Amino acid sequence: MLCSSTPPRNLDKRTTFAIGEKTFEVEADDLEKICDLGRGAYGTVEKMRHKPSSTIMAVKVPVGRICS
């Protein structure tokens, strides 16, 4: 079995989220890490700020381990 800590290249770097009536499109570059909130077997949860809207949010960053 071969394992790598590099995530697949085809991961989406863009998503959307809604707050009330507003919907925001978020790109990875729009997020600023504030601190780690927790860590587990499947990744880390980070406190981040969405720069364009100044919204503070928790973002799960999955472990990038691939085995084949």
PDB file of N, CA and C in Angstrom:
ATOM      1  N   MET A   1       0.852  -1.176   0.000  1.00  0.00           N
ATOM      2  CA  MET A   1       0.000   0.000   0.000  1.00  0.00           C
ATOM      3  C   MET A   1       0.896   1.237   0.000  1.00  0.00           C
ATOM      4  N   LEU A   2       0.592   2.176  -0.895  1.00  0.00           N
ATOM      5  CA  LEU A   2       1.321   3.431  -1.023  1.00  0.00           C
ATOM      6  C   LEU A   2       0.443   4.555  -0.497  1.00  0.00           C
ATOM      7  N   CYS A   3       0.964   5.355   0.443  1.00  0.00           N
ATOM      8  CA  CYS A   3       0.188   6.455   1.023  1.00  0.00           C
ATOM      9  C   CYS A   3       0.880   7.775   0.767  1.00  0.00           C
ATOM     10  N   SER A   4       0.085   8.812   0.588  1.00  0.00           N
ATOM     11  CA  SER A   4       0.607  10.148   0.337  1.00  0.00           C
ATOM     12  C   SER A   4      -0.187  11.155   1.155  1.00  0.00           C
ATOM     13  N   SER A   5       0.474  12.226   1.602  1.00  0.00           N
ATOM     14  CA  SER A   5      -0.250  13.263   2.330  1.00  0.00           C
ATOM     15  C   SER A   5      -0.705  14.385   1.397  1.00  0.00           C
ATOM     16  N   THR A   6      -0.515  14.208   0.096  1.00  0.00           N
ATOM     17  CA  THR A   6      -0.926  15.212  -0.879  1.00  0.00           C
ATOM     18  C   THR A   6      -2.365  14.961  -1.305  1.00  0.00           C
ATOM     19  N   PRO A   7      -3.247  15.982  -1.186  1.00  0.00           N
ATOM     20  CA  PRO A   7      -4.642  15.772  -1.613  1.00  0.00           C
ATOM     21  C   PRO A   7      -4.750  15.652  -3.121  1.00  0.00           C
ATOM     22  N   PRO A   8      -5.828  15.045  -3.616  1.00  0.00           N
ATOM     23  CA  PRO A   8      -6.022  14.944  -5.059  1.00  0.00           C
ATOM     24  C   PRO A   8      -6.080  16.334  -5.694  1.00  0.00           C
ATOM     25  N   ARG A   9      -5.605  16.458  -6.907  1.00  0.00           N
ATOM     26  CA  ARG A   9      -5.562  17.752  -7.583  1.00  0.00           C
ATOM     27  C   ARG A   9      -6.927  18.253  -8.017  1.00  0.00           C
ATOM     28  N   ASN A  10      -7.923  17.393  -8.059  1.00  0.00           N
ATOM     29  CA  ASN A  10      -9.233  17.797  -8.559  1.00  0.00           C
ATOM     30  C   ASN A  10     -10.181  18.257  -7.449  1.00  0.00           C
ATOM     31  N   LEU A  11      -9.679  18.497  -6.230  1.00  0.00           N
ATOM     32  CA  LEU A  11     -10.558  18.974  -5.164  1.00  0.00           C
ATOM     33  C   LEU A  11     -11.089  20.352  -5.517  1.00  0.00           C
ATOM     34  N   ASP A  12     -12.343  20.585  -5.228  1.00  0.00           N
ATOM     35  CA  ASP A  12     -12.975  21.862  -5.500  1.00  0.00           C
ATOM     36  C   ASP A  12     -12.463  22.907  -4.520  1.00  0.00           C
ATOM     37  N   LYS A  13     -12.063  24.065  -5.002  1.00  0.00           N
ATOM     38  CA  LYS A  13     -11.600  25.144  -4.144  1.00  0.00           C
ATOM     39  C   LYS A  13     -12.659  26.224  -4.015  1.00  0.00           C
ATOM     40  N   ARG A  14     -13.886  25.909  -4.408  1.00  0.00           N
ATOM     41  CA  ARG A  14     -14.965  26.891  -4.393  1.00  0.00           C
ATOM     42  C   ARG A  14     -16.241  26.236  -3.861  1.00  0.00           C
ATOM     43  N   THR A  15     -16.997  26.978  -3.068  1.00  0.00           N
ATOM     44  CA  THR A  15     -18.287  26.494  -2.570  1.00  0.00           C
ATOM     45  C   THR A  15     -19.183  27.699  -2.325  1.00  0.00           C
ATOM     46  N   THR A  16     -20.408  27.447  -1.929  1.00  0.00           N
ATOM     47  CA  THR A  16     -21.322  28.529  -1.572  1.00  0.00           C
ATOM     48  C   THR A  16     -21.875  28.267  -0.178  1.00  0.00           C
ATOM     49  N   PHE A  17     -22.241  29.346   0.511  1.00  0.00           N
ATOM     50  CA  PHE A  17     -22.934  29.216   1.785  1.00  0.00           C
ATOM     51  C   PHE A  17     -23.947  30.339   1.893  1.00  0.00           C
ATOM     52  N   ALA A  18     -24.969  30.119   2.714  1.00  0.00           N
ATOM     53  CA  ALA A  18     -26.026  31.111   2.872  1.00  0.00           C
ATOM     54  C   ALA A  18     -26.119  31.547   4.317  1.00  0.00           C
ATOM     55  N   ILE A  19     -26.335  32.853   4.507  1.00  0.00           N
ATOM     56  CA  ILE A  19     -26.626  33.431   5.820  1.00  0.00           C
ATOM     57  C   ILE A  19     -27.908  34.224   5.642  1.00  0.00           C
ATOM     58  N   GLY A  20     -28.965  33.700   6.227  1.00  0.00           N
ATOM     59  CA  GLY A  20     -30.268  34.340   6.034  1.00  0.00           C
ATOM     60  C   GLY A  20     -30.638  34.318   4.564  1.00  0.00           C
ATOM     61  N   GLU A  21     -30.910  35.487   4.013  1.00  0.00           N
ATOM     62  CA  GLU A  21     -31.300  35.613   2.610  1.00  0.00           C
ATOM     63  C   GLU A  21     -30.114  35.760   1.665  1.00  0.00           C
ATOM     64  N   LYS A  22     -28.915  35.981   2.203  1.00  0.00           N
ATOM     65  CA  LYS A  22     -27.733  36.216   1.367  1.00  0.00           C
ATOM     66  C   LYS A  22     -26.989  34.914   1.105  1.00  0.00           C
ATOM     67  N   THR A  23     -26.553  34.734  -0.132  1.00  0.00           N
ATOM     68  CA  THR A  23     -25.728  33.596  -0.518  1.00  0.00           C
ATOM     69  C   THR A  23     -24.366  34.126  -0.948  1.00  0.00           C
ATOM     70  N   PHE A  24     -23.315  33.493  -0.453  1.00  0.00           N
ATOM     71  CA  PHE A  24     -21.956  33.905  -0.761  1.00  0.00           C
ATOM     72  C   PHE A  24     -21.234  32.791  -1.498  1.00  0.00           C
ATOM     73  N   GLU A  25     -20.481  33.137  -2.507  1.00  0.00           N
ATOM     74  CA  GLU A  25     -19.588  32.181  -3.164  1.00  0.00           C
ATOM     75  C   GLU A  25     -18.231  32.345  -2.509  1.00  0.00           C
ATOM     76  N   VAL A  26     -17.678  31.243  -2.054  1.00  0.00           N
ATOM     77  CA  VAL A  26     -16.425  31.283  -1.306  1.00  0.00           C
ATOM     78  C   VAL A  26     -15.345  30.547  -2.064  1.00  0.00           C
ATOM     79  N   GLU A  27     -14.211  31.180  -2.217  1.00  0.00           N
ATOM     80  CA  GLU A  27     -13.027  30.529  -2.772  1.00  0.00           C
ATOM     81  C   GLU A  27     -12.025  30.358  -1.640  1.00  0.00           C
ATOM     82  N   ALA A  28     -11.193  29.356  -1.724  1.00  0.00           N
ATOM     83  CA  ALA A  28     -10.217  29.082  -0.673  1.00  0.00           C
ATOM     84  C   ALA A  28      -9.367  30.314  -0.370  1.00  0.00           C
ATOM     85  N   ASP A  29      -9.020  31.091  -1.382  1.00  0.00           N
ATOM     86  CA  ASP A  29      -8.193  32.282  -1.180  1.00  0.00           C
ATOM     87  C   ASP A  29      -8.925  33.392  -0.427  1.00  0.00           C
ATOM     88  N   ASP A  30     -10.264  33.290  -0.315  1.00  0.00           N
ATOM     89  CA  ASP A  30     -11.056  34.285   0.408  1.00  0.00           C
ATOM     90  C   ASP A  30     -11.067  34.043   1.916  1.00  0.00           C
ATOM     91  N   LEU A  31     -10.499  32.922   2.351  1.00  0.00           N
ATOM     92  CA  LEU A  31     -10.542  32.555   3.763  1.00  0.00           C
ATOM     93  C   LEU A  31      -9.218  32.844   4.447  1.00  0.00           C
ATOM     94  N   GLU A  32      -9.312  33.412   5.650  1.00  0.00           N
ATOM     95  CA  GLU A  32      -8.136  33.716   6.459  1.00  0.00           C
ATOM     96  C   GLU A  32      -8.240  32.905   7.756  1.00  0.00           C
ATOM     97  N   LYS A  33      -7.240  32.070   8.014  1.00  0.00           N
ATOM     98  CA  LYS A  33      -7.247  31.239   9.217  1.00  0.00           C
ATOM     99  C   LYS A  33      -7.007  32.107  10.444  1.00  0.00           C
ATOM    100  N   ILE A  34      -7.840  31.885  11.481  1.00  0.00           N
ATOM    101  CA  ILE A  34      -7.688  32.588  12.743  1.00  0.00           C
ATOM    102  C   ILE A  34      -7.003  31.664  13.757  1.00  0.00           C
ATOM    103  N   CYS A  35      -7.520  30.443  13.900  1.00  0.00           N
ATOM    104  CA  CYS A  35      -6.917  29.475  14.824  1.00  0.00           C
ATOM    105  C   CYS A  35      -7.516  28.091  14.581  1.00  0.00           C
ATOM    106  N   ASP A  36      -6.916  27.069  15.191  1.00  0.00           N
ATOM    107  CA  ASP A  36      -7.464  25.720  15.167  1.00  0.00           C
ATOM    108  C   ASP A  36      -8.510  25.610  16.273  1.00  0.00           C
ATOM    109  N   LEU A  37      -9.638  24.978  15.962  1.00  0.00           N
ATOM    110  CA  LEU A  37     -10.672  24.740  16.963  1.00  0.00           C
ATOM    111  C   LEU A  37     -10.649  23.316  17.482  1.00  0.00           C
ATOM    112  N   GLY A  38     -10.234  22.379  16.642  1.00  0.00           N
ATOM    113  CA  GLY A  38     -10.202  20.980  17.048  1.00  0.00           C
ATOM    114  C   GLY A  38      -9.513  20.130  16.008  1.00  0.00           C
ATOM    115  N   ARG A  39      -9.161  18.923  16.431  1.00  0.00           N
ATOM    116  CA  ARG A  39      -8.453  18.008  15.552  1.00  0.00           C
ATOM    117  C   ARG A  39      -8.952  16.604  15.836  1.00  0.00           C
ATOM    118  N   GLY A  40      -9.134  15.827  14.774  1.00  0.00           N
ATOM    119  CA  GLY A  40      -9.602  14.457  14.940  1.00  0.00           C
ATOM    120  C   GLY A  40      -9.022  13.558  13.872  1.00  0.00           C
ATOM    121  N   ALA A  41      -9.526  12.347  13.814  1.00  0.00           N
ATOM    122  CA  ALA A  41      -9.008  11.345  12.887  1.00  0.00           C
ATOM    123  C   ALA A  41      -9.225  11.725  11.426  1.00  0.00           C
ATOM    124  N   TYR A  42     -10.253  12.536  11.144  1.00  0.00           N
ATOM    125  CA  TYR A  42     -10.591  12.849   9.760  1.00  0.00           C
ATOM    126  C   TYR A  42     -10.223  14.257   9.347  1.00  0.00           C
ATOM    127  N   GLY A  43      -9.522  15.001  10.208  1.00  0.00           N
ATOM    128  CA  GLY A  43      -9.089  16.332   9.821  1.00  0.00           C
ATOM    129  C   GLY A  43      -9.080  17.313  10.977  1.00  0.00           C
ATOM    130  N   THR A  44      -8.942  18.580  10.624  1.00  0.00           N
ATOM    131  CA  THR A  44      -8.878  19.680  11.582  1.00  0.00           C
ATOM    132  C   THR A  44     -10.030  20.636  11.313  1.00  0.00           C
ATOM    133  N   VAL A  45     -10.585  21.189  12.374  1.00  0.00           N
ATOM    134  CA  VAL A  45     -11.595  22.238  12.233  1.00  0.00           C
ATOM    135  C   VAL A  45     -10.902  23.551  12.582  1.00  0.00           C
ATOM    136  N   GLU A  46     -10.964  24.497  11.652  1.00  0.00           N
ATOM    137  CA  GLU A  46     -10.288  25.775  11.826  1.00  0.00           C
ATOM    138  C   GLU A  46     -11.306  26.901  11.888  1.00  0.00           C
ATOM    139  N   LYS A  47     -11.034  27.891  12.730  1.00  0.00           N
ATOM    140  CA  LYS A  47     -11.839  29.105  12.765  1.00  0.00           C
ATOM    141  C   LYS A  47     -11.279  30.019  11.692  1.00  0.00           C
ATOM    142  N   MET A  48     -12.144  30.449  10.759  1.00  0.00           N
ATOM    143  CA  MET A  48     -11.698  31.254   9.627  1.00  0.00           C
ATOM    144  C   MET A  48     -12.593  32.461   9.438  1.00  0.00           C
ATOM    145  N   ARG A  49     -12.044  33.465   8.789  1.00  0.00           N
ATOM    146  CA  ARG A  49     -12.801  34.665   8.426  1.00  0.00           C
ATOM    147  C   ARG A  49     -12.906  34.720   6.913  1.00  0.00           C
ATOM    148  N   HIS A  50     -14.145  34.871   6.418  1.00  0.00           N
ATOM    149  CA  HIS A  50     -14.375  35.075   4.991  1.00  0.00           C
ATOM    150  C   HIS A  50     -14.103  36.554   4.736  1.00  0.00           C
ATOM    151  N   LYS A  51     -12.984  36.873   4.081  1.00  0.00           N
ATOM    152  CA  LYS A  51     -12.529  38.259   3.926  1.00  0.00           C
ATOM    153  C   LYS A  51     -13.558  39.190   3.291  1.00  0.00           C
ATOM    154  N   PRO A  52     -14.208  38.823   2.178  1.00  0.00           N
ATOM    155  CA  PRO A  52     -15.153  39.761   1.550  1.00  0.00           C
ATOM    156  C   PRO A  52     -16.348  40.141   2.433  1.00  0.00           C
ATOM    157  N   SER A  53     -16.832  39.211   3.286  1.00  0.00           N
ATOM    158  CA  SER A  53     -18.022  39.493   4.093  1.00  0.00           C
ATOM    159  C   SER A  53     -17.709  39.679   5.580  1.00  0.00           C
ATOM    160  N   SER A  54     -16.457  39.423   5.977  1.00  0.00           N
ATOM    161  CA  SER A  54     -16.030  39.470   7.390  1.00  0.00           C
ATOM    162  C   SER A  54     -16.777  38.461   8.260  1.00  0.00           C
ATOM    163  N   THR A  55     -17.361  37.429   7.648  1.00  0.00           N
ATOM    164  CA  THR A  55     -18.076  36.390   8.387  1.00  0.00           C
ATOM    165  C   THR A  55     -17.076  35.418   9.007  1.00  0.00           C
ATOM    166  N   ILE A  56     -17.245  35.141  10.293  1.00  0.00           N
ATOM    167  CA  ILE A  56     -16.414  34.161  10.990  1.00  0.00           C
ATOM    168  C   ILE A  56     -17.125  32.814  10.888  1.00  0.00           C
ATOM    169  N   MET A  57     -16.380  31.764  10.563  1.00  0.00           N
ATOM    170  CA  MET A  57     -16.982  30.447  10.393  1.00  0.00           C
ATOM    171  C   MET A  57     -15.997  29.355  10.784  1.00  0.00           C
ATOM    172  N   ALA A  58     -16.519  28.168  11.028  1.00  0.00           N
ATOM    173  CA  ALA A  58     -15.707  26.984  11.256  1.00  0.00           C
ATOM    174  C   ALA A  58     -15.629  26.225   9.938  1.00  0.00           C
ATOM    175  N   VAL A  59     -14.417  25.802   9.576  1.00  0.00           N
ATOM    176  CA  VAL A  59     -14.192  25.092   8.313  1.00  0.00           C
ATOM    177  C   VAL A  59     -13.447  23.801   8.621  1.00  0.00           C
ATOM    178  N   LYS A  60     -13.998  22.672   8.181  1.00  0.00           N
ATOM    179  CA  LYS A  60     -13.322  21.399   8.361  1.00  0.00           C
ATOM    180  C   LYS A  60     -12.353  21.186   7.207  1.00  0.00           C
ATOM    181  N   VAL A  61     -11.111  20.920   7.565  1.00  0.00           N
ATOM    182  CA  VAL A  61     -10.073  20.656   6.574  1.00  0.00           C
ATOM    183  C   VAL A  61      -9.731  19.172   6.691  1.00  0.00           C
ATOM    184  N   PRO A  62     -10.187  18.359   5.742  1.00  0.00           N
ATOM    185  CA  PRO A  62      -9.975  16.910   5.827  1.00  0.00           C
ATOM    186  C   PRO A  62      -8.493  16.549   5.747  1.00  0.00           C
ATOM    187  N   VAL A  63      -8.171  15.424   6.361  1.00  0.00           N
ATOM    188  CA  VAL A  63      -6.823  14.882   6.265  1.00  0.00           C
ATOM    189  C   VAL A  63      -6.581  14.528   4.814  1.00  0.00           C
ATOM    190  N   GLY A  64      -5.454  14.926   4.257  1.00  0.00           N
ATOM    191  CA  GLY A  64      -5.156  14.671   2.854  1.00  0.00           C
ATOM    192  C   GLY A  64      -4.332  13.423   2.652  1.00  0.00           C
ATOM    193  N   ARG A  65      -4.743  12.309   3.250  1.00  0.00           N
ATOM    194  CA  ARG A  65      -3.986  11.072   3.117  1.00  0.00           C
ATOM    195  C   ARG A  65      -4.687  10.161   2.129  1.00  0.00           C
ATOM    196  N   ILE A  66      -3.944   9.747   1.137  1.00  0.00           N
ATOM    197  CA  ILE A  66      -4.486   8.891   0.078  1.00  0.00           C
ATOM    198  C   ILE A  66      -3.696   7.603   0.055  1.00  0.00           C
ATOM    199  N   CYS A  67      -4.373   6.491   0.081  1.00  0.00           N
ATOM    200  CA  CYS A  67      -3.715   5.191   0.020  1.00  0.00           C
ATOM    201  C   CYS A  67      -4.199   4.414  -1.190  1.00  0.00           C
ATOM    202  N   SER A  68      -3.277   3.741  -1.848  1.00  0.00           N
ATOM    203  CA  SER A  68      -3.686   2.931  -2.992  1.00  0.00           C
ATOM    204  C   SER A  68      -2.930   1.635  -3.012  1.00  0.00           C
TER     205      SER A  68
END
